[in-house]
N, C-alpha and C. Protein backbone atom coordinates (compact mmCIF):
# COMPACT_ATOMS: atom_id res chain seq x y z
N MET A 1 1.82 152.36 -136.33
CA MET A 1 0.72 151.43 -136.26
C MET A 1 0.19 151.18 -137.67
N ALA A 2 0.36 150.02 -138.16
CA ALA A 2 -0.11 149.65 -139.49
C ALA A 2 -1.54 149.13 -139.40
N THR A 3 -2.35 149.54 -140.35
CA THR A 3 -3.74 149.07 -140.38
C THR A 3 -3.98 148.37 -141.70
N ASN A 4 -4.79 147.34 -141.62
CA ASN A 4 -5.12 146.65 -142.86
C ASN A 4 -6.39 147.28 -143.45
N LYS A 5 -6.81 146.80 -144.59
CA LYS A 5 -7.94 147.39 -145.30
C LYS A 5 -9.23 147.28 -144.49
N GLN A 6 -9.46 146.18 -143.83
CA GLN A 6 -10.69 146.00 -143.05
C GLN A 6 -10.74 146.98 -141.88
N GLN A 7 -9.62 147.15 -141.19
CA GLN A 7 -9.59 148.10 -140.08
C GLN A 7 -9.79 149.53 -140.58
N TYR A 8 -9.19 149.82 -141.71
CA TYR A 8 -9.33 151.16 -142.28
C TYR A 8 -10.79 151.43 -142.66
N ASP A 9 -11.43 150.43 -143.32
CA ASP A 9 -12.85 150.59 -143.70
C ASP A 9 -13.73 150.78 -142.47
N LYS A 10 -13.43 150.07 -141.40
CA LYS A 10 -14.21 150.18 -140.17
C LYS A 10 -14.04 151.59 -139.56
N MET A 11 -12.80 152.08 -139.55
CA MET A 11 -12.53 153.42 -139.03
C MET A 11 -13.22 154.49 -139.89
N THR A 12 -13.20 154.29 -141.19
CA THR A 12 -13.82 155.25 -142.10
C THR A 12 -15.33 155.31 -141.89
N LYS A 13 -15.97 154.16 -141.76
CA LYS A 13 -17.42 154.13 -141.54
C LYS A 13 -17.79 154.77 -140.21
N LYS A 14 -16.96 154.55 -139.21
CA LYS A 14 -17.22 155.14 -137.90
C LYS A 14 -17.06 156.66 -137.94
N ALA A 15 -16.05 157.15 -138.67
CA ALA A 15 -15.77 158.58 -138.73
C ALA A 15 -16.76 159.32 -139.62
N SER A 16 -17.33 158.65 -140.60
CA SER A 16 -18.27 159.30 -141.52
C SER A 16 -19.56 158.50 -141.60
N PRO A 17 -20.47 158.75 -140.65
CA PRO A 17 -21.74 158.01 -140.67
C PRO A 17 -22.54 158.39 -141.92
N PRO A 18 -23.45 157.51 -142.32
CA PRO A 18 -24.21 157.80 -143.54
C PRO A 18 -25.06 159.06 -143.38
N SER A 19 -25.17 159.80 -144.47
CA SER A 19 -25.96 161.03 -144.41
C SER A 19 -27.45 160.69 -144.54
N PRO A 20 -28.28 161.49 -143.91
CA PRO A 20 -29.73 161.26 -144.00
C PRO A 20 -30.25 161.72 -145.37
N ALA A 21 -30.20 160.84 -146.36
CA ALA A 21 -30.50 161.21 -147.75
C ALA A 21 -31.90 161.78 -147.92
N LEU A 22 -32.91 161.14 -147.32
CA LEU A 22 -34.28 161.62 -147.49
C LEU A 22 -34.45 163.02 -146.91
N LYS A 23 -33.90 163.23 -145.72
CA LYS A 23 -33.98 164.55 -145.09
C LYS A 23 -33.27 165.59 -145.94
N ASN A 24 -32.09 165.26 -146.45
CA ASN A 24 -31.33 166.19 -147.29
C ASN A 24 -32.10 166.53 -148.57
N CYS A 25 -32.72 165.53 -149.18
CA CYS A 25 -33.50 165.77 -150.41
C CYS A 25 -34.69 166.66 -150.13
N LEU A 26 -35.39 166.40 -149.03
CA LEU A 26 -36.55 167.22 -148.68
C LEU A 26 -36.15 168.67 -148.39
N ASN A 27 -35.05 168.85 -147.65
CA ASN A 27 -34.57 170.21 -147.38
C ASN A 27 -34.17 170.93 -148.66
N ALA A 28 -33.48 170.23 -149.54
CA ALA A 28 -33.08 170.84 -150.82
C ALA A 28 -34.31 171.22 -151.63
N PHE A 29 -35.32 170.35 -151.61
CA PHE A 29 -36.53 170.59 -152.38
C PHE A 29 -37.30 171.81 -151.87
N TRP A 30 -37.55 171.86 -150.55
CA TRP A 30 -38.39 172.96 -150.07
C TRP A 30 -37.64 174.28 -150.03
N ILE A 31 -36.35 174.26 -149.73
CA ILE A 31 -35.61 175.52 -149.71
C ILE A 31 -35.36 176.01 -151.14
N GLY A 32 -35.03 175.11 -152.05
CA GLY A 32 -34.89 175.50 -153.45
C GLY A 32 -36.20 176.03 -154.00
N GLY A 33 -37.30 175.39 -153.61
CA GLY A 33 -38.62 175.88 -154.01
C GLY A 33 -38.92 177.25 -153.43
N LEU A 34 -38.49 177.47 -152.20
CA LEU A 34 -38.69 178.77 -151.56
C LEU A 34 -37.90 179.87 -152.29
N VAL A 35 -36.68 179.54 -152.70
CA VAL A 35 -35.87 180.50 -153.46
C VAL A 35 -36.57 180.84 -154.78
N CYS A 36 -37.06 179.81 -155.48
CA CYS A 36 -37.74 180.04 -156.76
C CYS A 36 -39.06 180.79 -156.55
N SER A 37 -39.77 180.46 -155.49
CA SER A 37 -41.03 181.16 -155.18
C SER A 37 -40.77 182.62 -154.84
N THR A 38 -39.67 182.88 -154.17
CA THR A 38 -39.29 184.26 -153.87
C THR A 38 -39.04 185.03 -155.17
N GLY A 39 -38.34 184.40 -156.09
CA GLY A 39 -38.12 185.02 -157.40
C GLY A 39 -39.44 185.28 -158.12
N GLU A 40 -40.34 184.32 -158.03
CA GLU A 40 -41.66 184.50 -158.66
C GLU A 40 -42.43 185.64 -157.98
N GLY A 41 -42.29 185.76 -156.67
CA GLY A 41 -42.92 186.86 -155.94
C GLY A 41 -42.39 188.21 -156.40
N PHE A 42 -41.08 188.30 -156.58
CA PHE A 42 -40.50 189.55 -157.09
C PHE A 42 -41.00 189.83 -158.51
N LYS A 43 -41.12 188.78 -159.30
CA LYS A 43 -41.64 188.96 -160.67
C LYS A 43 -43.04 189.57 -160.62
N LEU A 44 -43.90 189.02 -159.78
CA LEU A 44 -45.26 189.56 -159.66
C LEU A 44 -45.25 190.99 -159.14
N LEU A 45 -44.36 191.29 -158.20
CA LEU A 45 -44.24 192.65 -157.67
C LEU A 45 -43.85 193.62 -158.78
N TYR A 46 -42.83 193.26 -159.56
CA TYR A 46 -42.36 194.15 -160.62
C TYR A 46 -43.40 194.29 -161.73
N GLN A 47 -44.15 193.22 -162.00
CA GLN A 47 -45.24 193.34 -162.98
C GLN A 47 -46.34 194.26 -162.45
N TYR A 48 -46.63 194.15 -161.17
CA TYR A 48 -47.63 195.01 -160.55
C TYR A 48 -47.19 196.48 -160.63
N LEU A 49 -45.88 196.70 -160.50
CA LEU A 49 -45.33 198.06 -160.61
C LEU A 49 -45.20 198.51 -162.07
N GLU A 50 -45.73 197.69 -162.97
CA GLU A 50 -45.80 197.97 -164.41
C GLU A 50 -44.44 198.09 -165.08
N PHE A 51 -43.50 197.25 -164.65
CA PHE A 51 -42.24 197.13 -165.37
C PHE A 51 -42.53 196.40 -166.67
N SER A 52 -41.76 196.68 -167.71
CA SER A 52 -41.90 195.93 -168.96
C SER A 52 -41.39 194.50 -168.71
N GLU A 53 -41.64 193.62 -169.68
CA GLU A 53 -41.21 192.23 -169.52
C GLU A 53 -39.69 192.13 -169.36
N ASP A 54 -38.95 192.85 -170.18
CA ASP A 54 -37.49 192.83 -170.10
C ASP A 54 -37.00 193.44 -168.78
N GLU A 55 -37.62 194.54 -168.36
CA GLU A 55 -37.24 195.17 -167.09
C GLU A 55 -37.52 194.23 -165.92
N THR A 56 -38.65 193.52 -165.99
CA THR A 56 -39.01 192.59 -164.92
C THR A 56 -37.98 191.48 -164.81
N LYS A 57 -37.61 190.90 -165.94
CA LYS A 57 -36.61 189.81 -165.94
C LYS A 57 -35.29 190.29 -165.33
N ALA A 58 -34.85 191.46 -165.74
CA ALA A 58 -33.59 192.00 -165.23
C ALA A 58 -33.70 192.33 -163.74
N ALA A 59 -34.82 192.94 -163.35
CA ALA A 59 -35.00 193.35 -161.94
C ALA A 59 -35.05 192.14 -161.01
N VAL A 60 -35.73 191.07 -161.43
CA VAL A 60 -35.79 189.86 -160.60
C VAL A 60 -34.39 189.27 -160.43
N SER A 61 -33.65 189.17 -161.53
CA SER A 61 -32.29 188.62 -161.47
C SER A 61 -31.40 189.45 -160.56
N VAL A 62 -31.43 190.76 -160.76
CA VAL A 62 -30.58 191.65 -159.96
C VAL A 62 -30.98 191.59 -158.49
N THR A 63 -32.27 191.55 -158.21
CA THR A 63 -32.75 191.48 -156.82
C THR A 63 -32.25 190.21 -156.14
N LEU A 64 -32.39 189.08 -156.82
CA LEU A 64 -31.93 187.81 -156.22
C LEU A 64 -30.41 187.80 -156.04
N ILE A 65 -29.68 188.38 -156.98
CA ILE A 65 -28.21 188.45 -156.86
C ILE A 65 -27.82 189.32 -155.67
N VAL A 66 -28.45 190.48 -155.54
CA VAL A 66 -28.11 191.40 -154.44
C VAL A 66 -28.45 190.76 -153.09
N ILE A 67 -29.62 190.15 -152.99
CA ILE A 67 -30.01 189.51 -151.73
C ILE A 67 -29.03 188.40 -151.37
N THR A 68 -28.67 187.58 -152.36
CA THR A 68 -27.72 186.49 -152.10
C THR A 68 -26.36 187.04 -151.71
N ALA A 69 -25.90 188.08 -152.38
CA ALA A 69 -24.60 188.67 -152.06
C ALA A 69 -24.60 189.22 -150.63
N ILE A 70 -25.68 189.88 -150.25
CA ILE A 70 -25.76 190.42 -148.88
C ILE A 70 -25.80 189.29 -147.87
N LEU A 71 -26.63 188.27 -148.13
CA LEU A 71 -26.72 187.14 -147.19
C LEU A 71 -25.38 186.39 -147.10
N THR A 72 -24.66 186.30 -148.21
CA THR A 72 -23.33 185.67 -148.19
C THR A 72 -22.38 186.53 -147.38
N GLY A 73 -22.42 187.83 -147.60
CA GLY A 73 -21.51 188.75 -146.91
C GLY A 73 -21.68 188.76 -145.41
N ILE A 74 -22.91 188.59 -144.93
CA ILE A 74 -23.13 188.60 -143.48
C ILE A 74 -23.17 187.20 -142.88
N GLY A 75 -22.88 186.19 -143.71
CA GLY A 75 -22.74 184.83 -143.20
C GLY A 75 -24.01 184.02 -143.07
N ILE A 76 -25.13 184.54 -143.53
CA ILE A 76 -26.39 183.81 -143.41
C ILE A 76 -26.56 182.79 -144.52
N PHE A 77 -26.11 183.11 -145.73
CA PHE A 77 -26.30 182.20 -146.86
C PHE A 77 -25.62 180.87 -146.61
N ASP A 78 -24.45 180.88 -145.99
CA ASP A 78 -23.74 179.63 -145.70
C ASP A 78 -24.53 178.76 -144.73
N LYS A 79 -25.20 179.38 -143.76
CA LYS A 79 -26.03 178.62 -142.82
C LYS A 79 -27.23 178.01 -143.52
N ILE A 80 -27.83 178.78 -144.44
CA ILE A 80 -28.95 178.25 -145.22
C ILE A 80 -28.47 177.09 -146.09
N ALA A 81 -27.32 177.28 -146.74
CA ALA A 81 -26.77 176.25 -147.62
C ALA A 81 -26.41 174.97 -146.87
N LYS A 82 -26.01 175.11 -145.61
CA LYS A 82 -25.68 173.93 -144.82
C LYS A 82 -26.90 173.04 -144.63
N VAL A 83 -28.07 173.66 -144.49
CA VAL A 83 -29.32 172.91 -144.33
C VAL A 83 -29.87 172.50 -145.69
N ALA A 84 -29.84 173.41 -146.65
CA ALA A 84 -30.49 173.19 -147.95
C ALA A 84 -29.66 172.34 -148.90
N GLY A 85 -28.35 172.35 -148.74
CA GLY A 85 -27.51 171.61 -149.67
C GLY A 85 -27.69 172.11 -151.09
N ALA A 86 -28.05 171.20 -151.99
CA ALA A 86 -28.21 171.56 -153.40
C ALA A 86 -29.38 172.50 -153.65
N GLY A 87 -30.25 172.69 -152.68
CA GLY A 87 -31.38 173.59 -152.85
C GLY A 87 -30.97 175.04 -153.04
N THR A 88 -29.76 175.39 -152.64
CA THR A 88 -29.29 176.76 -152.82
C THR A 88 -28.51 176.95 -154.11
N ILE A 89 -28.40 175.90 -154.90
CA ILE A 89 -27.65 176.02 -156.14
C ILE A 89 -28.58 176.41 -157.29
N VAL A 90 -29.72 176.98 -156.96
CA VAL A 90 -30.57 177.55 -157.99
C VAL A 90 -29.65 178.48 -158.76
N PRO A 91 -29.60 178.39 -160.08
CA PRO A 91 -28.53 179.06 -160.82
C PRO A 91 -28.16 180.48 -160.40
N ILE A 92 -29.12 181.34 -160.21
CA ILE A 92 -28.76 182.74 -159.97
C ILE A 92 -28.19 182.94 -158.57
N THR A 93 -28.75 182.27 -157.57
CA THR A 93 -28.24 182.44 -156.21
C THR A 93 -26.92 181.70 -156.02
N GLY A 94 -26.81 180.53 -156.62
CA GLY A 94 -25.56 179.79 -156.54
C GLY A 94 -24.42 180.54 -157.20
N PHE A 95 -24.71 181.17 -158.33
CA PHE A 95 -23.69 181.95 -159.03
C PHE A 95 -23.27 183.16 -158.19
N ALA A 96 -24.24 183.87 -157.64
CA ALA A 96 -23.92 185.04 -156.82
C ALA A 96 -23.06 184.65 -155.63
N ASN A 97 -23.41 183.55 -154.98
CA ASN A 97 -22.63 183.06 -153.84
C ASN A 97 -21.23 182.67 -154.27
N SER A 98 -21.10 182.06 -155.45
CA SER A 98 -19.78 181.62 -155.91
C SER A 98 -18.87 182.78 -156.31
N VAL A 99 -19.44 183.95 -156.53
CA VAL A 99 -18.63 185.13 -156.82
C VAL A 99 -18.26 185.85 -155.52
N VAL A 100 -19.22 185.99 -154.62
CA VAL A 100 -18.99 186.76 -153.39
C VAL A 100 -18.07 186.02 -152.42
N SER A 101 -18.22 184.71 -152.30
CA SER A 101 -17.42 183.95 -151.33
C SER A 101 -15.92 184.10 -151.53
N PRO A 102 -15.38 183.89 -152.75
CA PRO A 102 -13.94 184.09 -152.92
C PRO A 102 -13.53 185.55 -152.74
N ALA A 103 -14.41 186.47 -153.12
CA ALA A 103 -14.08 187.89 -152.94
C ALA A 103 -13.87 188.20 -151.47
N MET A 104 -14.71 187.62 -150.63
CA MET A 104 -14.56 187.83 -149.18
C MET A 104 -13.33 187.11 -148.64
N GLU A 105 -13.11 185.90 -149.13
CA GLU A 105 -12.01 185.08 -148.63
C GLU A 105 -10.65 185.70 -148.92
N PHE A 106 -10.50 186.32 -150.08
CA PHE A 106 -9.19 186.83 -150.49
C PHE A 106 -9.04 188.33 -150.34
N LYS A 107 -9.99 189.01 -149.70
CA LYS A 107 -9.91 190.47 -149.59
C LYS A 107 -8.71 190.93 -148.76
N THR A 108 -8.24 190.07 -147.85
CA THR A 108 -7.09 190.46 -147.04
C THR A 108 -5.80 190.53 -147.85
N GLU A 109 -5.80 189.91 -149.03
CA GLU A 109 -4.61 189.93 -149.89
C GLU A 109 -4.57 191.14 -150.80
N GLY A 110 -5.56 192.02 -150.68
CA GLY A 110 -5.59 193.24 -151.47
C GLY A 110 -6.64 193.22 -152.56
N SER A 111 -6.90 194.39 -153.08
CA SER A 111 -7.95 194.53 -154.09
C SER A 111 -7.60 193.85 -155.41
N ILE A 112 -6.37 193.97 -155.84
CA ILE A 112 -6.00 193.44 -157.15
C ILE A 112 -5.59 191.98 -157.06
N LEU A 113 -4.56 191.68 -156.26
CA LEU A 113 -4.06 190.31 -156.19
C LEU A 113 -4.92 189.40 -155.32
N GLY A 114 -5.77 189.98 -154.51
CA GLY A 114 -6.66 189.18 -153.67
C GLY A 114 -8.02 189.03 -154.30
N THR A 115 -8.83 190.07 -154.16
CA THR A 115 -10.22 190.01 -154.62
C THR A 115 -10.31 189.85 -156.13
N ALA A 116 -9.71 190.75 -156.89
CA ALA A 116 -9.86 190.72 -158.35
C ALA A 116 -9.30 189.45 -158.96
N ALA A 117 -8.18 188.97 -158.45
CA ALA A 117 -7.56 187.78 -159.02
C ALA A 117 -8.32 186.50 -158.69
N ASN A 118 -9.10 186.51 -157.63
CA ASN A 118 -9.75 185.28 -157.18
C ASN A 118 -11.27 185.31 -157.23
N ILE A 119 -11.86 186.42 -157.64
CA ILE A 119 -13.31 186.56 -157.54
C ILE A 119 -14.07 185.53 -158.38
N PHE A 120 -13.53 185.14 -159.51
CA PHE A 120 -14.22 184.16 -160.35
C PHE A 120 -13.62 182.76 -160.22
N LYS A 121 -12.92 182.52 -159.13
CA LYS A 121 -12.27 181.23 -158.92
C LYS A 121 -13.28 180.08 -158.95
N LEU A 122 -14.44 180.26 -158.32
CA LEU A 122 -15.46 179.22 -158.31
C LEU A 122 -16.40 179.32 -159.51
N SER A 123 -16.77 180.54 -159.86
CA SER A 123 -17.76 180.70 -160.93
C SER A 123 -17.15 180.62 -162.32
N GLY A 124 -15.86 180.82 -162.44
CA GLY A 124 -15.20 180.75 -163.75
C GLY A 124 -15.42 179.42 -164.46
N PRO A 125 -15.18 178.30 -163.79
CA PRO A 125 -15.44 177.01 -164.45
C PRO A 125 -16.91 176.84 -164.84
N VAL A 126 -17.81 177.38 -164.03
CA VAL A 126 -19.24 177.29 -164.35
C VAL A 126 -19.52 178.04 -165.65
N ILE A 127 -18.97 179.24 -165.76
CA ILE A 127 -19.16 180.03 -166.97
C ILE A 127 -18.55 179.31 -168.17
N LEU A 128 -17.34 178.82 -168.00
CA LEU A 128 -16.64 178.14 -169.09
C LEU A 128 -17.42 176.92 -169.58
N TYR A 129 -17.75 176.02 -168.66
CA TYR A 129 -18.37 174.77 -169.08
C TYR A 129 -19.83 174.95 -169.48
N SER A 130 -20.53 175.92 -168.93
CA SER A 130 -21.91 176.15 -169.39
C SER A 130 -21.90 176.73 -170.80
N THR A 131 -20.93 177.59 -171.10
CA THR A 131 -20.80 178.13 -172.46
C THR A 131 -20.44 177.01 -173.43
N LEU A 132 -19.50 176.16 -173.03
CA LEU A 132 -19.11 175.03 -173.88
C LEU A 132 -20.29 174.08 -174.09
N ALA A 133 -21.04 173.79 -173.02
CA ALA A 133 -22.19 172.91 -173.13
C ALA A 133 -23.25 173.51 -174.06
N ALA A 134 -23.49 174.81 -173.93
CA ALA A 134 -24.46 175.48 -174.80
C ALA A 134 -24.03 175.37 -176.26
N PHE A 135 -22.74 175.52 -176.51
CA PHE A 135 -22.22 175.41 -177.88
C PHE A 135 -22.45 173.99 -178.42
N VAL A 136 -22.09 172.99 -177.60
CA VAL A 136 -22.25 171.59 -178.02
C VAL A 136 -23.73 171.27 -178.25
N TYR A 137 -24.60 171.68 -177.34
CA TYR A 137 -26.03 171.44 -177.51
C TYR A 137 -26.57 172.15 -178.74
N GLY A 138 -26.05 173.35 -179.00
CA GLY A 138 -26.45 174.09 -180.20
C GLY A 138 -26.07 173.36 -181.47
N ILE A 139 -24.87 172.81 -181.49
CA ILE A 139 -24.40 172.04 -182.66
C ILE A 139 -25.28 170.80 -182.83
N ILE A 140 -25.56 170.09 -181.73
CA ILE A 140 -26.41 168.90 -181.80
C ILE A 140 -27.80 169.26 -182.31
N TYR A 141 -28.34 170.36 -181.78
CA TYR A 141 -29.66 170.82 -182.23
C TYR A 141 -29.64 171.16 -183.72
N TRP A 142 -28.60 171.87 -184.15
CA TRP A 142 -28.46 172.25 -185.55
C TRP A 142 -28.38 171.02 -186.44
N ILE A 143 -27.59 170.03 -186.03
CA ILE A 143 -27.43 168.80 -186.83
C ILE A 143 -28.76 168.04 -186.90
N THR A 144 -29.45 167.93 -185.77
CA THR A 144 -30.70 167.16 -185.75
C THR A 144 -31.83 167.87 -186.48
N THR A 145 -31.79 169.18 -186.59
CA THR A 145 -32.86 169.86 -187.33
C THR A 145 -32.61 169.86 -188.83
N ILE A 146 -31.38 169.66 -189.25
CA ILE A 146 -31.06 169.61 -190.68
C ILE A 146 -31.49 168.26 -191.24
N VAL A 147 -31.29 167.22 -190.47
CA VAL A 147 -31.57 165.84 -190.96
C VAL A 147 -33.04 165.56 -191.02
C-alpha cells in the first residue's frame, strides 16, 4: 500500500496528537521548583546543624544525588519525570538519574562489561560538552576582560 505525502502527514498527526504545552511547562516549573526548594531545605537543615559552608554545599549535593539514585532504583523517579518533563533535569538530579539508569539497564550483562562499561553512557556527553563549554566561555571571558 503506497501512501502519498498528504496521507502520511494525516496519519502522523492522528498518531501523535499535539502535546499540552502549557500543562507541561507548568508541571516542569512547579516540580523543578520543588526539587530546588528541597535542596534549599536541606541547606537550611545542614546550616542549622552547624555544618561549615563547604560541608553544607557537599552535604546538599550528596543528599540530592542519593535520593535521586534511590528513587531511580525503585522506579519512582521515572514516574516523576514523566509528569515533570524538563523539571527533573535540575543539574544534580538529572545527572544522578543519568548515571543510575544505564547502570540498572546493563547490570544483567555483568559488573565490568555491563554496568562499568555503560554507566556513563548518558552522562558522559554531558560531562564532555559542559567541560568544553566552560573552556570556551572562559576563553571568551578572558578575551573580553583584556580588551
